[in-house]
Amino acid sequence: MAAYLIVDELNVSDPETIKDYIKKAGVTIKANGGELLASGIPEALEGDWLPKRCVLVKFDTMERLKTWWNSNEYQALIPIRTSVSENNIIIIDGL
């Protein structure tokens, strides 16, 4: 069953560093079977959720998603992301 990673970007203090992080993270996602499905500024149809940017990544299974998240390659990138941005990140099983 597919699994999804959803990123709600709250704040970015250094756009150049986050661009470099995104490139590097993308390589690790692809190497682990992930696929970037959406990235951009969403439009809220209901409620008061106004994220600045959202990212949606699909993996074949939750196990593969968690393997990617816990990989040495991605774990090395997390401090780069957290030093220049604040995010809410969730994972969810597909149907």
C-alpha atoms as a PDB file:
ATOM      1  CA  MET A   1       0.000   0.000   0.000  1.00  0.00           C
ATOM      2  CA  ALA A   2       1.338   3.454  -0.906  1.00  0.00           C
ATOM      3  CA  ALA A   3       2.453   5.872   1.794  1.00  0.00           C
ATOM      4  CA  TYR A   4       2.737   9.640   1.665  1.00  0.00           C
ATOM      5  CA  LEU A   5       4.954  12.250   3.267  1.00  0.00           C
ATOM      6  CA  ILE A   6       3.367  15.692   3.598  1.00  0.00           C
ATOM      7  CA  VAL A   7       5.456  18.746   4.411  1.00  0.00           C
ATOM      8  CA  ASP A   8       3.840  21.992   5.559  1.00  0.00           C
ATOM      9  CA  GLU A   9       6.548  24.640   5.283  1.00  0.00           C
ATOM     10  CA  LEU A  10       6.039  27.329   7.922  1.00  0.00           C
ATOM     11  CA  ASN A  11       9.107  29.512   7.580  1.00  0.00           C
ATOM     12  CA  VAL A  12      12.374  29.692   5.628  1.00  0.00           C
ATOM     13  CA  SER A  13      15.129  32.021   6.817  1.00  0.00           C
ATOM     14  CA  ASP A  14      17.689  31.168   4.108  1.00  0.00           C
ATOM     15  CA  PRO A  15      16.205  30.413   0.650  1.00  0.00           C
ATOM     16  CA  GLU A  16      19.563  29.507  -0.912  1.00  0.00           C
ATOM     17  CA  THR A  17      20.359  26.895   1.730  1.00  0.00           C
ATOM     18  CA  ILE A  18      16.880  25.383   1.456  1.00  0.00           C
ATOM     19  CA  LYS A  19      17.267  25.132  -2.349  1.00  0.00           C
ATOM     20  CA  ASP A  20      20.481  23.150  -1.843  1.00  0.00           C
ATOM     21  CA  TYR A  21      18.744  20.940   0.751  1.00  0.00           C
ATOM     22  CA  ILE A  22      15.834  20.302  -1.647  1.00  0.00           C
ATOM     23  CA  LYS A  23      18.201  19.131  -4.400  1.00  0.00           C
ATOM     24  CA  LYS A  24      20.050  16.798  -2.047  1.00  0.00           C
ATOM     25  CA  ALA A  25      16.882  15.482  -0.408  1.00  0.00           C
ATOM     26  CA  GLY A  26      15.374  14.826  -3.842  1.00  0.00           C
ATOM     27  CA  VAL A  27      18.289  12.570  -4.714  1.00  0.00           C
ATOM     28  CA  THR A  28      17.769  10.530  -1.534  1.00  0.00           C
ATOM     29  CA  ILE A  29      14.019  10.310  -2.121  1.00  0.00           C
ATOM     30  CA  LYS A  30      14.474   9.004  -5.666  1.00  0.00           C
ATOM     31  CA  ALA A  31      17.189   6.556  -4.561  1.00  0.00           C
ATOM     32  CA  ASN A  32      14.704   5.086  -2.075  1.00  0.00           C
ATOM     33  CA  GLY A  33      11.840   4.706  -4.528  1.00  0.00           C
ATOM     34  CA  GLY A  34      10.024   7.913  -3.614  1.00  0.00           C
ATOM     35  CA  GLU A  35       8.265  10.178  -6.076  1.00  0.00           C
ATOM     36  CA  LEU A  36       7.632  13.896  -5.690  1.00  0.00           C
ATOM     37  CA  LEU A  37       3.951  14.385  -6.530  1.00  0.00           C
ATOM     38  CA  ALA A  38       3.373  18.039  -5.660  1.00  0.00           C
ATOM     39  CA  SER A  39       5.264  21.065  -4.427  1.00  0.00           C
ATOM     40  CA  GLY A  40       4.105  24.635  -4.264  1.00  0.00           C
ATOM     41  CA  ILE A  41       1.823  27.183  -2.689  1.00  0.00           C
ATOM     42  CA  PRO A  42      -1.545  25.579  -1.958  1.00  0.00           C
ATOM     43  CA  GLU A  43      -4.940  27.219  -2.120  1.00  0.00           C
ATOM     44  CA  ALA A  44      -7.169  26.715   0.922  1.00  0.00           C
ATOM     45  CA  LEU A  45     -10.782  25.965   0.037  1.00  0.00           C
ATOM     46  CA  GLU A  46     -12.035  25.710   3.637  1.00  0.00           C
ATOM     47  CA  GLY A  47     -10.715  26.520   7.073  1.00  0.00           C
ATOM     48  CA  ASP A  48      -7.939  28.808   8.169  1.00  0.00           C
ATOM     49  CA  TRP A  49      -4.915  26.685   7.257  1.00  0.00           C
ATOM     50  CA  LEU A  50      -2.654  28.903   5.145  1.00  0.00           C
ATOM     51  CA  PRO A  51       0.613  27.068   4.551  1.00  0.00           C
ATOM     52  CA  LYS A  52       3.331  28.982   2.737  1.00  0.00           C
ATOM     53  CA  ARG A  53       4.324  25.894   0.749  1.00  0.00           C
ATOM     54  CA  CYS A  54       3.456  22.197   0.783  1.00  0.00           C
ATOM     55  CA  VAL A  55       5.231  19.151  -0.529  1.00  0.00           C
ATOM     56  CA  LEU A  56       3.694  15.727  -1.221  1.00  0.00           C
ATOM     57  CA  VAL A  57       5.935  12.683  -1.708  1.00  0.00           C
ATOM     58  CA  LYS A  58       4.741   9.159  -2.474  1.00  0.00           C
ATOM     59  CA  PHE A  59       6.515   5.926  -1.578  1.00  0.00           C
ATOM     60  CA  ASP A  60       5.425   2.393  -2.502  1.00  0.00           C
ATOM     61  CA  THR A  61       5.042   1.409   1.145  1.00  0.00           C
ATOM     62  CA  MET A  62       5.274   2.911   4.603  1.00  0.00           C
ATOM     63  CA  GLU A  63       8.295   0.693   5.208  1.00  0.00           C
ATOM     64  CA  ARG A  64      10.146   2.262   2.260  1.00  0.00           C
ATOM     65  CA  LEU A  65       9.190   5.747   3.424  1.00  0.00           C
ATOM     66  CA  LYS A  66      10.514   5.073   6.918  1.00  0.00           C
ATOM     67  CA  THR A  67      13.643   3.424   5.506  1.00  0.00           C
ATOM     68  CA  TRP A  68      14.316   6.612   3.539  1.00  0.00           C
ATOM     69  CA  TRP A  69      13.578   8.874   6.543  1.00  0.00           C
ATOM     70  CA  ASN A  70      15.903   6.875   8.804  1.00  0.00           C
ATOM     71  CA  SER A  71      18.666   6.439   6.203  1.00  0.00           C
ATOM     72  CA  ASN A  72      22.076   7.870   7.010  1.00  0.00           C
ATOM     73  CA  GLU A  73      21.936   9.928   3.813  1.00  0.00           C
ATOM     74  CA  TYR A  74      18.699  11.682   4.736  1.00  0.00           C
ATOM     75  CA  GLN A  75      19.429  11.977   8.448  1.00  0.00           C
ATOM     76  CA  ALA A  76      22.588  13.916   7.502  1.00  0.00           C
ATOM     77  CA  LEU A  77      20.390  16.459   5.672  1.00  0.00           C
ATOM     78  CA  ILE A  78      17.896  17.092   8.480  1.00  0.00           C
ATOM     79  CA  PRO A  79      20.173  19.523  10.380  1.00  0.00           C
ATOM     80  CA  ILE A  80      20.527  21.599   7.200  1.00  0.00           C
ATOM     81  CA  ARG A  81      16.738  21.838   6.842  1.00  0.00           C
ATOM     82  CA  THR A  82      16.057  22.556  10.495  1.00  0.00           C
ATOM     83  CA  SER A  83      18.754  25.241  10.691  1.00  0.00           C
ATOM     84  CA  VAL A  84      16.990  27.396   8.074  1.00  0.00           C
ATOM     85  CA  SER A  85      13.334  26.365   8.151  1.00  0.00           C
ATOM     86  CA  GLU A  86      10.405  25.345  10.322  1.00  0.00           C
ATOM     87  CA  ASN A  87       8.033  22.644   9.081  1.00  0.00           C
ATOM     88  CA  ASN A  88       5.232  20.361  10.068  1.00  0.00           C
ATOM     89  CA  ILE A  89       5.862  16.929   8.560  1.00  0.00           C
ATOM     90  CA  ILE A  90       3.423  14.038   8.647  1.00  0.00           C
ATOM     91  CA  ILE A  91       3.191  10.611   7.059  1.00  0.00           C
ATOM     92  CA  ILE A  92       0.031   8.733   6.138  1.00  0.00           C
ATOM     93  CA  ASP A  93      -0.911   5.425   4.539  1.00  0.00           C
ATOM     94  CA  GLY A  94      -2.603   5.499   1.170  1.00  0.00           C
ATOM     95  CA  LEU A  95      -5.833   3.666   0.470  1.00  0.00           C
END
